[in-house]
């Protein structure tokens, strides 16, 4: 049986997870996002480290124009735009 995590333990686990996100698989990223959603923990700037469509951490910056940063996912090819 799985152990139940409290909110503080979940926050610590999420913080530890995002320290080396480049080596993580898409399924692991999806699980951590679900853990954050379950405990109502905001990811804030951490959500920009992975693709919101396929959960891949392979992102490439296309450019910055008019205070908007364009990032392309190397896995699915989708483009995300973020305010700078």
Protein backbone atom coordinates (compact mmCIF):
# COMPACT_ATOMS: atom_id res chain seq x y z
CA UNK A 1 0.00 0.00 0.00
CA UNK A 2 1.25 3.48 -0.83
CA UNK A 3 2.05 5.86 1.97
CA UNK A 4 0.03 9.06 2.18
CA UNK A 5 2.01 12.25 1.76
CA UNK A 6 1.13 15.43 3.60
CA UNK A 7 1.28 18.82 1.92
CA UNK A 8 4.77 19.62 3.30
CA UNK A 9 6.21 16.28 2.17
CA UNK A 10 4.64 16.77 -1.27
CA UNK A 11 6.19 20.26 -1.57
CA UNK A 12 9.61 18.85 -0.63
CA UNK A 13 9.25 16.00 -3.13
CA UNK A 14 8.25 18.42 -5.92
CA UNK A 15 11.16 20.76 -5.12
CA UNK A 16 13.63 17.88 -5.16
CA UNK A 17 12.18 16.57 -8.43
CA UNK A 18 12.65 19.84 -10.32
CA UNK A 19 16.35 20.17 -9.39
CA UNK A 20 17.30 17.72 -12.17
CA UNK A 21 14.29 17.68 -14.48
CA UNK A 22 16.35 17.24 -17.68
CA UNK A 23 16.94 13.55 -16.84
CA UNK A 24 13.28 12.78 -16.09
CA UNK A 25 10.83 10.88 -18.29
CA UNK A 26 7.47 12.24 -19.44
CA UNK A 27 5.54 9.83 -17.20
CA UNK A 28 7.45 11.01 -14.11
CA UNK A 29 6.72 14.66 -14.92
CA UNK A 30 3.04 13.84 -15.36
CA UNK A 31 2.95 12.09 -11.96
CA UNK A 32 4.59 15.04 -10.21
CA UNK A 33 2.13 17.45 -11.82
CA UNK A 34 -0.77 15.30 -10.63
CA UNK A 35 0.73 15.23 -7.12
CA UNK A 36 0.89 19.03 -7.13
CA UNK A 37 -2.70 19.26 -8.40
CA UNK A 38 -3.91 16.81 -5.74
CA UNK A 39 -2.38 18.90 -2.92
CA UNK A 40 -3.27 22.24 -4.59
CA UNK A 41 0.40 23.27 -4.83
CA UNK A 42 1.23 25.98 -7.36
CA UNK A 43 4.17 25.12 -9.65
CA UNK A 44 4.72 28.80 -10.61
CA UNK A 45 7.97 29.09 -12.61
CA UNK A 46 8.52 25.32 -12.56
CA UNK A 47 5.68 24.79 -15.05
CA UNK A 48 7.76 26.51 -17.74
CA UNK A 49 10.41 23.77 -17.56
CA UNK A 50 8.29 21.19 -19.39
CA UNK A 51 5.89 21.07 -22.33
CA UNK A 52 2.27 21.41 -21.24
CA UNK A 53 1.08 19.13 -24.05
CA UNK A 54 3.41 16.12 -23.96
CA UNK A 55 5.27 16.73 -20.64
CA UNK A 56 8.69 16.59 -22.31
CA UNK A 57 11.54 18.58 -20.73
CA UNK A 58 13.27 19.12 -24.09
CA UNK A 59 12.48 22.76 -24.84
CA UNK A 60 14.25 25.11 -27.25
CA UNK A 61 14.00 28.91 -27.11
CA UNK A 62 13.05 30.38 -30.48
CA UNK A 63 13.40 34.01 -29.50
CA UNK A 64 12.17 36.94 -27.46
CA UNK A 65 10.12 39.70 -29.08
CA UNK A 66 7.87 42.34 -27.51
CA UNK A 67 8.46 40.88 -24.01
CA UNK A 68 7.18 37.45 -25.16
CA UNK A 69 9.46 34.41 -25.09
CA UNK A 70 8.70 31.70 -27.67
CA UNK A 71 9.66 28.15 -26.76
CA UNK A 72 9.35 25.09 -29.00
CA UNK A 73 9.08 21.52 -27.73
CA UNK A 74 11.60 19.29 -29.49
CA UNK A 75 9.40 16.25 -28.92
CA UNK A 76 5.96 17.31 -30.24
CA UNK A 77 6.87 20.54 -32.07
CA UNK A 78 4.30 22.73 -30.29
CA UNK A 79 5.17 26.35 -29.56
CA UNK A 80 4.47 27.96 -26.19
CA UNK A 81 4.65 31.68 -25.49
CA UNK A 82 5.55 33.16 -22.11
CA UNK A 83 5.64 36.75 -20.90
CA UNK A 84 9.11 37.86 -19.85
